[in-house]
Amino acid sequence: MGIRHEPPNSGSHWKFFNPAGEVYPISAHNGLKEEIPYLYVRRLCRAFGLDYDELKRRL
């Protein structure tokens, strides 16, 4: 889908980038152990113009 991510340098916000270079941060205080609430995933999809159902199928 063209989205890439980077772990936080410090703090808890992972950065998600679309091909145009726009950034959408998502907080994950427990790092990879934490499940991201669907609300944040939906907002990421809305911010980048992605289809939420298509993203779910690809996970």
N, C-alpha and C. Protein backbone atom coordinates (compact mmCIF):
# COMPACT_ATOMS: atom_id res chain seq x y z
N MET A 1 0.82 -1.20 0.00
CA MET A 1 0.00 0.00 0.00
C MET A 1 0.86 1.26 0.00
N GLY A 2 2.17 1.09 0.04
CA GLY A 2 3.06 2.22 -0.05
C GLY A 2 3.36 2.92 1.27
N ILE A 3 2.91 2.37 2.38
CA ILE A 3 3.13 3.00 3.68
C ILE A 3 4.35 2.36 4.32
N ARG A 4 5.21 3.17 4.89
CA ARG A 4 6.34 2.63 5.64
C ARG A 4 6.28 3.20 7.05
N HIS A 5 6.98 2.58 7.97
CA HIS A 5 6.97 3.06 9.35
C HIS A 5 8.37 3.05 9.92
N GLU A 6 8.54 3.84 10.97
CA GLU A 6 9.81 3.90 11.69
C GLU A 6 9.50 3.84 13.18
N PRO A 7 10.30 3.08 13.92
CA PRO A 7 10.12 3.05 15.37
C PRO A 7 10.53 4.39 15.97
N PRO A 8 10.09 4.67 17.17
CA PRO A 8 10.43 5.95 17.80
C PRO A 8 11.92 6.04 18.12
N ASN A 9 12.50 7.22 17.92
CA ASN A 9 13.88 7.47 18.36
C ASN A 9 13.90 7.63 19.87
N SER A 10 12.88 8.27 20.38
CA SER A 10 12.66 8.39 21.81
C SER A 10 11.16 8.57 22.00
N GLY A 11 10.67 8.24 23.17
CA GLY A 11 9.24 8.35 23.40
C GLY A 11 8.51 7.11 22.89
N SER A 12 7.25 7.29 22.49
CA SER A 12 6.43 6.13 22.15
C SER A 12 5.71 6.25 20.82
N HIS A 13 5.99 7.28 20.04
CA HIS A 13 5.25 7.50 18.80
C HIS A 13 5.98 6.91 17.59
N TRP A 14 5.34 5.89 16.99
CA TRP A 14 5.83 5.32 15.75
C TRP A 14 5.38 6.25 14.64
N LYS A 15 6.21 6.44 13.64
CA LYS A 15 5.87 7.33 12.53
C LYS A 15 5.57 6.51 11.29
N PHE A 16 4.42 6.82 10.68
CA PHE A 16 4.00 6.16 9.44
C PHE A 16 4.08 7.19 8.32
N PHE A 17 4.66 6.80 7.19
CA PHE A 17 4.87 7.71 6.07
C PHE A 17 4.16 7.17 4.83
N ASN A 18 3.51 8.07 4.10
CA ASN A 18 2.94 7.67 2.81
C ASN A 18 3.95 8.02 1.71
N PRO A 19 3.72 7.60 0.48
CA PRO A 19 4.68 7.88 -0.59
C PRO A 19 4.95 9.37 -0.82
N ALA A 20 4.01 10.24 -0.47
CA ALA A 20 4.21 11.68 -0.64
C ALA A 20 5.06 12.28 0.48
N GLY A 21 5.43 11.46 1.48
CA GLY A 21 6.26 11.94 2.58
C GLY A 21 5.49 12.50 3.76
N GLU A 22 4.16 12.42 3.72
CA GLU A 22 3.37 12.89 4.85
C GLU A 22 3.53 11.91 6.01
N VAL A 23 3.48 12.45 7.23
CA VAL A 23 3.71 11.64 8.42
C VAL A 23 2.44 11.56 9.26
N TYR A 24 2.18 10.35 9.79
CA TYR A 24 1.09 10.16 10.74
C TYR A 24 1.66 9.39 11.93
N PRO A 25 1.74 10.02 13.12
CA PRO A 25 2.29 9.33 14.29
C PRO A 25 1.21 8.54 15.03
N ILE A 26 1.59 7.37 15.54
CA ILE A 26 0.71 6.56 16.37
C ILE A 26 1.47 6.17 17.62
N SER A 27 0.85 6.40 18.76
CA SER A 27 1.47 6.11 20.04
C SER A 27 1.35 4.63 20.37
N ALA A 28 2.46 4.04 20.80
CA ALA A 28 2.48 2.65 21.27
C ALA A 28 3.43 2.61 22.46
N HIS A 29 2.90 2.86 23.65
CA HIS A 29 3.73 2.99 24.85
C HIS A 29 4.49 1.72 25.20
N ASN A 30 3.95 0.56 24.82
CA ASN A 30 4.62 -0.70 25.12
C ASN A 30 5.30 -1.30 23.90
N GLY A 31 5.57 -0.48 22.91
CA GLY A 31 6.29 -0.92 21.73
C GLY A 31 5.58 -2.02 20.98
N LEU A 32 6.32 -3.04 20.58
CA LEU A 32 5.77 -4.13 19.77
C LEU A 32 4.83 -5.04 20.56
N LYS A 33 4.81 -4.91 21.88
CA LYS A 33 3.91 -5.73 22.70
C LYS A 33 2.48 -5.20 22.70
N GLU A 34 2.30 -3.98 22.26
CA GLU A 34 1.00 -3.33 22.33
C GLU A 34 0.19 -3.53 21.06
N GLU A 35 -1.09 -3.78 21.22
CA GLU A 35 -2.01 -3.84 20.08
C GLU A 35 -2.57 -2.44 19.86
N ILE A 36 -2.50 -1.97 18.63
CA ILE A 36 -2.97 -0.63 18.30
C ILE A 36 -4.50 -0.66 18.16
N PRO A 37 -5.21 0.20 18.87
CA PRO A 37 -6.68 0.21 18.74
C PRO A 37 -7.11 0.54 17.30
N TYR A 38 -8.21 -0.09 16.89
CA TYR A 38 -8.69 0.07 15.52
C TYR A 38 -8.97 1.52 15.18
N LEU A 39 -9.32 2.32 16.18
CA LEU A 39 -9.61 3.74 15.95
C LEU A 39 -8.40 4.44 15.32
N TYR A 40 -7.20 4.15 15.83
CA TYR A 40 -6.00 4.79 15.29
C TYR A 40 -5.68 4.27 13.88
N VAL A 41 -5.96 3.01 13.64
CA VAL A 41 -5.73 2.44 12.30
C VAL A 41 -6.70 3.07 11.31
N ARG A 42 -7.95 3.25 11.72
CA ARG A 42 -8.94 3.91 10.85
C ARG A 42 -8.51 5.35 10.55
N ARG A 43 -8.00 6.04 11.55
CA ARG A 43 -7.55 7.42 11.33
C ARG A 43 -6.34 7.48 10.40
N LEU A 44 -5.46 6.51 10.53
CA LEU A 44 -4.32 6.41 9.61
C LEU A 44 -4.82 6.23 8.18
N CYS A 45 -5.79 5.34 8.00
CA CYS A 45 -6.35 5.09 6.67
C CYS A 45 -7.00 6.36 6.12
N ARG A 46 -7.74 7.06 6.96
CA ARG A 46 -8.39 8.29 6.52
C ARG A 46 -7.35 9.35 6.15
N ALA A 47 -6.30 9.47 6.96
CA ALA A 47 -5.26 10.48 6.70
C ALA A 47 -4.53 10.22 5.39
N PHE A 48 -4.33 8.95 5.05
CA PHE A 48 -3.56 8.61 3.85
C PHE A 48 -4.44 8.17 2.69
N GLY A 49 -5.77 8.20 2.86
CA GLY A 49 -6.67 7.84 1.77
C GLY A 49 -6.66 6.36 1.44
N LEU A 50 -6.49 5.52 2.46
CA LEU A 50 -6.46 4.07 2.27
C LEU A 50 -7.82 3.46 2.59
N ASP A 51 -8.09 2.31 2.00
CA ASP A 51 -9.31 1.57 2.30
C ASP A 51 -9.06 0.69 3.52
N TYR A 52 -9.81 0.94 4.59
CA TYR A 52 -9.62 0.21 5.85
C TYR A 52 -9.82 -1.29 5.66
N ASP A 53 -10.86 -1.70 4.95
CA ASP A 53 -11.12 -3.13 4.74
C ASP A 53 -10.00 -3.80 3.96
N GLU A 54 -9.44 -3.10 2.99
CA GLU A 54 -8.31 -3.65 2.22
C GLU A 54 -7.09 -3.81 3.11
N LEU A 55 -6.84 -2.85 3.98
CA LEU A 55 -5.72 -2.93 4.90
C LEU A 55 -5.89 -4.12 5.84
N LYS A 56 -7.10 -4.33 6.36
CA LYS A 56 -7.36 -5.48 7.24
C LYS A 56 -7.08 -6.80 6.52
N ARG A 57 -7.46 -6.89 5.27
CA ARG A 57 -7.22 -8.13 4.50
C ARG A 57 -5.74 -8.40 4.33
N ARG A 58 -4.95 -7.36 4.24
CA ARG A 58 -3.51 -7.54 4.01
C ARG A 58 -2.73 -7.83 5.29
N LEU A 59 -3.35 -7.63 6.44
CA LEU A 59 -2.63 -7.89 7.70
C LEU A 59 -2.63 -9.35 8.05
